[in-house]
Amino acid sequence: MSWKLKTLLLVMMAVALACGFLHHLIPPTVHNFERLHIFLFNLCSGGTLLIYFTEEQKALSKRGQLFVIFSLAFALSAFFEWYIPAMLIPLALAHLVNQVRKDHFGHGFPWGLFSVHEPVPRKFHQAALLCLTLGLCFSSPVIVNSVYLHWVTIEKLKLDTFFLGFSFPLSLISMSVIFSLMKQEALRLTSLLKEAAFWIINLGVIVFFIFILADMFGSQVGISLILFCTVALIFYLYWYEGMPLQQKAFLSSGILFLLVTSVTGIAYILLSFTSYYTPAHSIPLLRLHAFTALYGWNLSGLAVISRHGDFPLKLHSRPVILLHWLTVLVLCPLGYFFPAFAVLAVIAYTGLLIRLFFNRGTLDYELAAVQQEAYQQPSFSFKEKRTLDP
């Protein structure tokens, strides 16, 4: 990755976090910087890295550059409430992302998602591109309905809530990287568990979203617990099946962030159906949940993706991981309520990004070979073989 692209990503991600604290300076009734907070990290930064990772080129391609330009335009249009361009731009972005998907996975219906011969990492990868494409396509009708027509009125389906969905493709591509770094010679049961994890994660999140819109409390709790158990299963699989490479500790830390996100999400659901569901209790929990998801779990995957051709790096070093947890679990939630901690959070986070993006490294040919093998071999291995200890 070129230093220009690294610098661009660093600036967008740092500004994204800073926008999450600008309510200290400008009231949300004047400008809602929450949208920029969401867009700059999830769509602009995460989407760009997804395109870059998929195309496997040394520099960001012309399509990648167009994605950066149009995604920033979409972010600014949504922020300034220029809804006419905000309805048109995501359609162009969706076409661009779908072209990238077709070039990498083939034209026509994505049958690979349903094939037992398709490796699980490739399934997660294609699902990430499909999810981003569909999210962009649905943006236009959602904006039309929410702003102009008001045909469908659902209390919990607001524009800002819908825009949060752009974080899901980042989760899927992070899962793709994690599963690609697991040993491919596995028992049949392990292969079945990997396949099950793919479907539970994808279908579970969709069903969970439907339950939220329908305000079904018991169903929300049930599917949340299933998703939590699935993430715990993935952590177990990666801990014992993950290749002993440098980024294993960092990605393991990322999965732990996702477990924390699951716990805080379940806690928020339970709280929302009690008499304690007041701003004093709900907002701190919601902020912790959001920061852990965005800047904990998603950043872990994006960091490895951005440097996938540069290993070995010091991503496994204890100071980097400790700084990451301190920033996400302590400084960011406190920064939402106290300006001084907001400044510290942005400084610590920017320092973390500099470490992640600009640590020197050399190409790790072993890692490249492992990922290539993971994408070529079937996810189901019916040969009963014992796996080596990590």
Protein backbone atom coordinates (compact mmCIF):
# COMPACT_ATOMS: atom_id res chain seq x y z
CA MET A 1 0.00 0.00 0.00
CA SER A 2 1.35 3.42 -0.96
CA TRP A 3 2.06 6.01 1.70
CA LYS A 4 -0.52 8.30 0.04
CA LEU A 5 -3.30 5.77 0.55
CA LYS A 6 -2.14 5.09 4.11
CA THR A 7 -2.18 8.81 4.84
CA LEU A 8 -5.65 9.20 3.32
CA LEU A 9 -7.02 6.33 5.41
CA LEU A 10 -5.36 7.65 8.55
CA VAL A 11 -6.89 11.10 8.05
CA MET A 12 -10.38 9.75 7.28
CA MET A 13 -10.35 7.40 10.28
CA ALA A 14 -8.99 10.01 12.68
CA VAL A 15 -11.52 12.60 11.50
CA ALA A 16 -14.25 9.96 11.81
CA LEU A 17 -13.50 9.50 15.51
CA ALA A 18 -13.16 13.24 16.06
CA CYS A 19 -16.63 13.75 14.55
CA GLY A 20 -18.00 11.48 17.25
CA PHE A 21 -16.98 14.10 19.82
CA LEU A 22 -17.90 17.32 18.01
CA HIS A 23 -21.19 17.54 19.88
CA HIS A 24 -19.07 19.14 22.62
CA LEU A 25 -18.51 22.11 20.29
CA ILE A 26 -21.57 22.16 18.01
CA PRO A 27 -25.00 21.00 19.22
CA PRO A 28 -26.54 18.13 17.22
CA THR A 29 -29.54 20.35 16.52
CA VAL A 30 -27.24 22.56 14.44
CA HIS A 31 -25.17 19.83 12.73
CA ASN A 32 -25.39 16.09 13.36
CA PHE A 33 -21.77 14.97 13.08
CA GLU A 34 -22.81 11.42 13.97
CA ARG A 35 -23.41 10.77 10.27
CA LEU A 36 -19.88 11.78 9.34
CA HIS A 37 -18.64 9.71 12.28
CA ILE A 38 -20.35 6.66 10.77
CA PHE A 39 -19.74 7.32 7.07
CA LEU A 40 -16.06 8.23 7.22
CA PHE A 41 -15.11 5.04 9.05
CA ASN A 42 -17.54 2.44 7.70
CA LEU A 43 -18.13 3.44 4.10
CA CYS A 44 -15.28 5.75 3.10
CA SER A 45 -12.41 4.00 4.91
CA GLY A 46 -13.78 0.47 5.22
CA GLY A 47 -15.28 0.36 1.74
CA THR A 48 -12.05 1.63 0.19
CA LEU A 49 -10.03 -1.05 1.97
CA LEU A 50 -12.53 -3.70 0.84
CA ILE A 51 -12.05 -2.63 -2.80
CA TYR A 52 -8.27 -2.46 -2.38
CA PHE A 53 -8.10 -5.90 -0.74
CA THR A 54 -10.35 -7.49 -3.36
CA GLU A 55 -8.49 -6.16 -6.38
CA GLU A 56 -5.11 -7.26 -4.96
CA GLN A 57 -3.14 -4.48 -6.63
CA LYS A 58 -0.14 -2.65 -5.22
CA ALA A 59 -1.84 0.71 -5.59
CA LEU A 60 -5.48 1.75 -5.37
CA SER A 61 -7.07 1.20 -8.78
CA LYS A 62 -9.09 3.73 -10.78
CA ARG A 63 -12.27 2.12 -9.46
CA GLY A 64 -10.90 2.36 -5.94
CA GLN A 65 -10.15 6.03 -6.46
CA LEU A 66 -13.66 6.61 -7.79
CA PHE A 67 -15.04 4.83 -4.75
CA VAL A 68 -13.16 7.20 -2.44
CA ILE A 69 -14.46 10.26 -4.30
CA PHE A 70 -18.09 9.12 -4.51
CA SER A 71 -18.20 7.78 -0.95
CA LEU A 72 -16.93 11.11 0.39
CA ALA A 73 -19.53 12.88 -1.74
CA PHE A 74 -22.22 10.56 -0.34
CA ALA A 75 -21.04 11.24 3.21
CA LEU A 76 -21.12 15.01 2.74
CA SER A 77 -24.50 14.90 1.00
CA ALA A 78 -26.03 12.91 3.86
CA PHE A 79 -24.38 15.19 6.43
CA PHE A 80 -25.62 18.43 4.86
CA GLU A 81 -28.99 16.80 4.07
CA TRP A 82 -28.61 17.25 0.32
CA TYR A 83 -30.91 14.34 -0.32
CA ILE A 84 -31.18 14.50 -4.11
CA PRO A 85 -27.47 13.70 -4.67
CA ALA A 86 -27.60 11.41 -1.63
CA MET A 87 -30.17 9.29 -3.51
CA LEU A 88 -28.16 9.13 -6.74
CA ILE A 89 -24.58 8.64 -5.53
CA PRO A 90 -25.11 5.29 -3.73
CA LEU A 91 -26.51 3.79 -6.94
CA ALA A 92 -23.26 4.62 -8.74
CA LEU A 93 -21.29 3.24 -5.80
CA ALA A 94 -23.34 0.02 -5.81
CA HIS A 95 -22.64 -0.49 -9.52
CA LEU A 96 -18.92 0.06 -8.93
CA VAL A 97 -18.73 -2.41 -6.02
CA ASN A 98 -20.73 -5.01 -7.94
CA GLN A 99 -18.35 -4.75 -10.89
CA VAL A 100 -15.46 -5.45 -8.54
CA ARG A 101 -17.34 -8.46 -7.17
CA LYS A 102 -18.06 -9.82 -10.66
CA ASP A 103 -14.43 -9.45 -11.73
CA HIS A 104 -13.23 -11.35 -8.68
CA PHE A 105 -16.00 -13.95 -8.20
CA GLY A 106 -17.61 -14.22 -11.62
CA HIS A 107 -20.77 -12.91 -13.26
CA GLY A 108 -24.25 -14.16 -12.65
CA PHE A 109 -25.88 -15.40 -9.46
CA PRO A 110 -23.44 -15.90 -6.54
CA TRP A 111 -23.84 -19.67 -6.44
CA GLY A 112 -20.51 -20.00 -4.65
CA LEU A 113 -22.18 -18.95 -1.40
CA PHE A 114 -24.27 -22.14 -1.51
CA SER A 115 -21.56 -24.53 -2.68
CA VAL A 116 -19.88 -26.89 -0.23
CA HIS A 117 -16.82 -26.75 -2.46
CA GLU A 118 -16.35 -22.99 -2.03
CA PRO A 119 -13.85 -22.15 0.73
CA VAL A 120 -15.41 -20.34 3.68
CA PRO A 121 -13.00 -17.36 3.41
CA ARG A 122 -14.16 -16.75 -0.18
CA LYS A 123 -17.79 -17.02 0.96
CA PHE A 124 -17.27 -14.34 3.59
CA HIS A 125 -15.40 -12.19 1.07
CA GLN A 126 -18.13 -12.34 -1.57
CA ALA A 127 -20.80 -11.84 1.09
CA ALA A 128 -19.02 -8.64 2.19
CA LEU A 129 -19.14 -7.24 -1.36
CA LEU A 130 -22.76 -8.31 -1.83
CA CYS A 131 -23.78 -6.80 1.49
CA LEU A 132 -22.13 -3.49 0.63
CA THR A 133 -23.77 -3.48 -2.81
CA LEU A 134 -27.23 -4.18 -1.40
CA GLY A 135 -26.81 -1.64 1.38
CA LEU A 136 -25.94 1.04 -1.15
CA CYS A 137 -28.84 0.04 -3.42
CA PHE A 138 -31.34 0.20 -0.55
CA SER A 139 -30.04 3.61 0.55
CA SER A 140 -31.93 5.42 -2.19
CA PRO A 141 -35.44 4.03 -1.50
CA VAL A 142 -34.89 4.38 2.26
CA ILE A 143 -34.01 8.06 1.81
CA VAL A 144 -37.02 8.59 -0.49
CA ASN A 145 -39.35 7.00 2.05
CA SER A 146 -37.83 8.67 5.13
CA VAL A 147 -37.54 12.18 3.69
CA TYR A 148 -40.25 12.54 1.06
CA LEU A 149 -42.95 9.86 0.83
CA HIS A 150 -43.30 8.47 4.38
CA TRP A 151 -45.12 5.41 3.04
CA VAL A 152 -43.57 3.06 5.59
CA THR A 153 -43.26 4.44 9.10
CA ILE A 154 -41.22 2.33 11.52
CA GLU A 155 -40.02 4.03 14.68
CA LYS A 156 -36.67 2.22 14.78
CA LEU A 157 -35.95 2.46 11.04
CA LYS A 158 -34.35 5.89 10.90
CA LEU A 159 -31.77 7.06 8.40
CA ASP A 160 -28.93 7.09 10.91
CA THR A 161 -29.86 3.59 12.05
CA PHE A 162 -29.88 2.36 8.45
CA PHE A 163 -26.50 3.94 7.74
CA LEU A 164 -25.02 1.92 10.60
CA GLY A 165 -25.50 -1.12 8.37
CA PHE A 166 -22.42 -0.16 6.37
CA SER A 167 -20.35 -1.64 9.19
CA PHE A 168 -21.58 -5.18 8.46
CA PRO A 169 -19.49 -5.65 5.26
CA LEU A 170 -16.42 -4.78 7.35
CA SER A 171 -17.28 -7.55 9.80
CA LEU A 172 -17.64 -10.03 6.95
CA ILE A 173 -14.33 -9.18 5.32
CA SER A 174 -12.64 -9.39 8.73
CA MET A 175 -14.15 -12.87 9.12
CA SER A 176 -12.80 -13.75 5.68
CA VAL A 177 -9.27 -12.88 6.80
CA ILE A 178 -9.64 -14.78 10.08
CA PHE A 179 -10.89 -17.97 8.38
CA SER A 180 -8.20 -17.71 5.68
CA LEU A 181 -5.55 -17.88 8.40
CA MET A 182 -6.90 -21.10 9.88
CA LYS A 183 -5.34 -24.46 9.06
CA GLN A 184 -6.95 -26.04 6.04
CA GLU A 185 -6.24 -29.66 6.99
CA ALA A 186 -9.06 -30.10 9.45
CA LEU A 187 -11.46 -32.73 10.73
CA ARG A 188 -14.85 -32.99 9.08
CA LEU A 189 -16.50 -31.62 12.24
CA THR A 190 -14.27 -28.52 12.13
CA SER A 191 -15.19 -27.93 8.49
CA LEU A 192 -18.88 -28.27 9.32
CA LEU A 193 -18.53 -25.80 12.19
CA LYS A 194 -16.85 -23.27 9.90
CA GLU A 195 -19.64 -23.61 7.36
CA ALA A 196 -22.28 -23.29 10.07
CA ALA A 197 -20.57 -20.17 11.44
CA PHE A 198 -20.76 -18.54 8.01
CA TRP A 199 -24.50 -19.04 7.71
CA ILE A 200 -25.35 -18.20 11.32
CA ILE A 201 -23.43 -14.92 11.12
CA ASN A 202 -25.01 -13.84 7.84
CA LEU A 203 -28.57 -15.00 8.37
CA GLY A 204 -28.48 -14.23 12.08
CA VAL A 205 -27.72 -10.55 11.59
CA ILE A 206 -30.49 -10.22 8.97
CA VAL A 207 -33.03 -11.94 11.21
CA PHE A 208 -31.86 -9.89 14.19
CA PHE A 209 -32.47 -6.68 12.23
CA ILE A 210 -36.00 -7.83 11.36
CA PHE A 211 -36.71 -8.62 15.02
CA ILE A 212 -35.52 -5.13 16.01
CA LEU A 213 -37.90 -3.51 13.51
CA ALA A 214 -40.75 -5.74 14.73
CA ASP A 215 -39.91 -4.89 18.36
CA MET A 216 -39.84 -8.58 19.34
CA PHE A 217 -38.01 -8.66 22.66
CA GLY A 218 -37.73 -12.40 23.27
CA SER A 219 -36.64 -13.09 19.70
CA GLN A 220 -34.00 -10.35 19.87
CA VAL A 221 -32.50 -11.85 23.01
CA GLY A 222 -32.59 -15.35 21.52
CA ILE A 223 -30.86 -14.49 18.27
CA SER A 224 -28.35 -12.32 20.16
CA LEU A 225 -27.38 -15.28 22.33
CA ILE A 226 -27.01 -17.47 19.22
CA LEU A 227 -24.75 -14.88 17.60
CA PHE A 228 -22.71 -14.58 20.80
CA CYS A 229 -22.20 -18.35 20.94
CA THR A 230 -21.20 -18.34 17.27
CA VAL A 231 -18.59 -15.64 17.85
CA ALA A 232 -17.30 -17.63 20.83
CA LEU A 233 -17.07 -20.68 18.54
CA ILE A 234 -15.09 -18.66 15.98
CA PHE A 235 -12.73 -17.50 18.71
CA TYR A 236 -12.23 -21.12 19.78
CA LEU A 237 -11.61 -22.26 16.21
CA TYR A 238 -9.18 -19.45 15.51
CA TRP A 239 -7.33 -19.97 18.78
CA TYR A 240 -6.69 -23.65 18.04
CA GLU A 241 -6.79 -23.71 14.22
CA GLY A 242 -5.24 -20.30 13.48
CA MET A 243 -1.82 -20.33 11.84
CA PRO A 244 0.91 -19.22 14.29
CA LEU A 245 1.61 -16.01 12.37
CA GLN A 246 2.35 -12.56 13.77
CA GLN A 247 -1.13 -11.12 13.35
CA LYS A 248 -2.82 -13.95 15.28
CA ALA A 249 -2.68 -12.11 18.62
CA PHE A 250 -4.06 -8.93 17.08
CA LEU A 251 -6.92 -10.72 15.32
CA SER A 252 -7.64 -12.71 18.49
CA SER A 253 -7.89 -9.39 20.28
CA GLY A 254 -10.32 -8.26 17.59
CA ILE A 255 -12.59 -11.28 18.15
CA LEU A 256 -12.55 -10.52 21.88
CA PHE A 257 -13.72 -6.99 21.01
CA LEU A 258 -16.57 -8.60 19.06
CA LEU A 259 -17.49 -10.71 22.09
CA VAL A 260 -17.61 -7.55 24.21
CA THR A 261 -19.77 -5.96 21.50
CA SER A 262 -22.14 -8.93 21.68
CA VAL A 263 -22.40 -8.71 25.48
CA THR A 264 -23.07 -4.95 25.46
CA GLY A 265 -25.63 -5.46 22.68
CA ILE A 266 -27.50 -8.07 24.70
CA ALA A 267 -27.32 -5.86 27.79
CA TYR A 268 -28.75 -2.93 25.81
CA ILE A 269 -31.66 -5.05 24.57
CA LEU A 270 -32.46 -6.22 28.10
CA LEU A 271 -32.17 -2.65 29.42
CA SER A 272 -34.52 -1.29 26.73
CA PHE A 273 -37.38 -3.39 28.09
CA THR A 274 -36.99 -2.33 31.72
CA SER A 275 -37.88 0.74 33.76
CA TYR A 276 -34.17 1.65 33.86
CA TYR A 277 -34.18 2.50 30.15
CA THR A 278 -33.33 6.15 30.64
CA PRO A 279 -30.65 8.31 28.97
CA ALA A 280 -28.55 8.12 32.12
CA HIS A 281 -28.27 4.35 31.76
CA SER A 282 -28.79 3.67 28.07
CA ILE A 283 -26.48 6.24 26.45
CA PRO A 284 -23.24 5.15 28.22
CA LEU A 285 -23.97 1.50 27.37
CA LEU A 286 -24.85 2.36 23.76
CA ARG A 287 -21.67 4.43 23.35
CA LEU A 288 -19.53 1.60 24.73
CA HIS A 289 -21.24 -0.80 22.34
CA ALA A 290 -20.71 1.46 19.32
CA PHE A 291 -17.06 2.28 20.05
CA THR A 292 -16.23 -1.37 20.69
CA ALA A 293 -17.84 -2.45 17.43
CA LEU A 294 -16.40 0.28 15.19
CA TYR A 295 -12.98 1.03 16.60
CA GLY A 296 -12.34 -2.27 18.34
CA TRP A 297 -13.56 -5.17 16.24
CA ASN A 298 -13.77 -3.54 12.80
CA LEU A 299 -10.45 -1.72 13.13
CA SER A 300 -8.72 -5.01 13.98
CA GLY A 301 -9.76 -6.56 10.69
CA LEU A 302 -9.12 -3.43 8.62
CA ALA A 303 -5.63 -3.03 10.06
CA VAL A 304 -4.63 -6.53 8.98
CA ILE A 305 -6.25 -6.06 5.57
CA SER A 306 -4.44 -2.78 4.98
CA ARG A 307 -1.05 -4.37 5.68
CA HIS A 308 -1.67 -7.88 4.33
CA GLY A 309 1.30 -7.62 1.99
CA ASP A 310 3.68 -6.05 4.50
CA PHE A 311 4.12 -8.68 7.21
CA PRO A 312 6.00 -9.29 9.46
CA LEU A 313 4.89 -6.32 11.57
CA LYS A 314 4.58 -5.69 15.29
CA LEU A 315 0.79 -6.03 15.28
CA HIS A 316 1.14 -8.76 17.88
CA SER A 317 3.09 -6.58 20.31
CA ARG A 318 1.54 -6.10 23.73
CA PRO A 319 1.86 -2.27 23.78
CA VAL A 320 -0.13 -1.95 20.54
CA ILE A 321 -2.92 -4.21 21.81
CA LEU A 322 -3.02 -2.52 25.22
CA LEU A 323 -3.20 0.93 23.60
CA HIS A 324 -6.04 -0.32 21.42
CA TRP A 325 -8.07 -1.58 24.40
CA LEU A 326 -7.36 1.50 26.51
CA THR A 327 -8.49 3.79 23.71
CA VAL A 328 -11.67 1.89 22.84
CA LEU A 329 -12.91 0.81 26.28
CA VAL A 330 -11.83 3.81 28.38
CA LEU A 331 -10.89 6.97 26.50
CA CYS A 332 -13.56 6.88 23.80
CA PRO A 333 -16.60 6.26 26.06
CA LEU A 334 -15.35 8.88 28.55
CA GLY A 335 -14.60 11.25 25.68
CA TYR A 336 -18.23 11.20 24.62
CA PHE A 337 -19.14 12.85 27.95
CA PHE A 338 -15.98 14.80 28.85
CA PRO A 339 -14.12 17.00 26.30
CA ALA A 340 -10.69 16.44 27.89
CA PHE A 341 -10.97 12.68 27.43
CA ALA A 342 -12.20 13.26 23.86
CA VAL A 343 -8.93 15.02 23.06
CA LEU A 344 -6.93 12.20 24.67
CA ALA A 345 -8.96 9.62 22.74
CA VAL A 346 -8.29 11.26 19.38
CA ILE A 347 -4.56 11.61 20.16
CA ALA A 348 -4.26 7.98 21.33
CA TYR A 349 -6.29 6.70 18.40
CA THR A 350 -4.25 8.67 15.86
CA GLY A 351 -1.06 7.33 17.43
CA LEU A 352 -2.46 3.82 17.17
CA LEU A 353 -3.28 4.32 13.48
CA ILE A 354 0.24 5.58 12.81
CA ARG A 355 1.63 2.42 14.41
CA LEU A 356 -0.74 0.23 12.42
CA PHE A 357 -0.26 1.86 9.03
CA PHE A 358 3.37 2.94 9.05
CA ASN A 359 5.24 0.23 10.95
CA ARG A 360 7.93 -1.01 8.59
CA GLY A 361 7.77 -4.57 7.39
CA THR A 362 8.81 -6.90 4.61
CA LEU A 363 6.62 -9.15 2.52
CA ASP A 364 5.84 -12.40 4.32
CA TYR A 365 5.71 -14.99 1.54
CA GLU A 366 4.49 -17.64 3.99
CA LEU A 367 1.43 -15.55 4.79
CA ALA A 368 0.75 -14.92 1.09
CA ALA A 369 0.96 -18.67 0.39
CA VAL A 370 -1.34 -19.52 3.30
CA GLN A 371 -4.03 -17.07 2.20
CA GLN A 372 -3.82 -18.23 -1.41
CA GLU A 373 -4.18 -21.84 -0.29
CA ALA A 374 -7.17 -20.97 1.88
CA TYR A 375 -8.93 -19.42 -1.10
CA GLN A 376 -8.29 -22.40 -3.35
CA GLN A 377 -9.06 -25.38 -1.13
CA PRO A 378 -12.61 -26.53 -0.36
CA SER A 379 -13.94 -25.59 3.04
CA PHE A 380 -15.14 -29.19 3.56
CA SER A 381 -12.42 -31.76 4.05
CA PHE A 382 -13.85 -35.25 4.45
CA LYS A 383 -10.51 -36.79 5.31
CA GLU A 384 -10.28 -37.52 8.98
CA LYS A 385 -6.99 -35.93 9.92
CA ARG A 386 -5.70 -34.66 13.21
CA THR A 387 -4.66 -31.03 13.27
CA LEU A 388 -1.33 -29.96 14.63
CA ASP A 389 -1.26 -27.96 17.82
CA PRO A 390 -0.84 -24.20 17.24
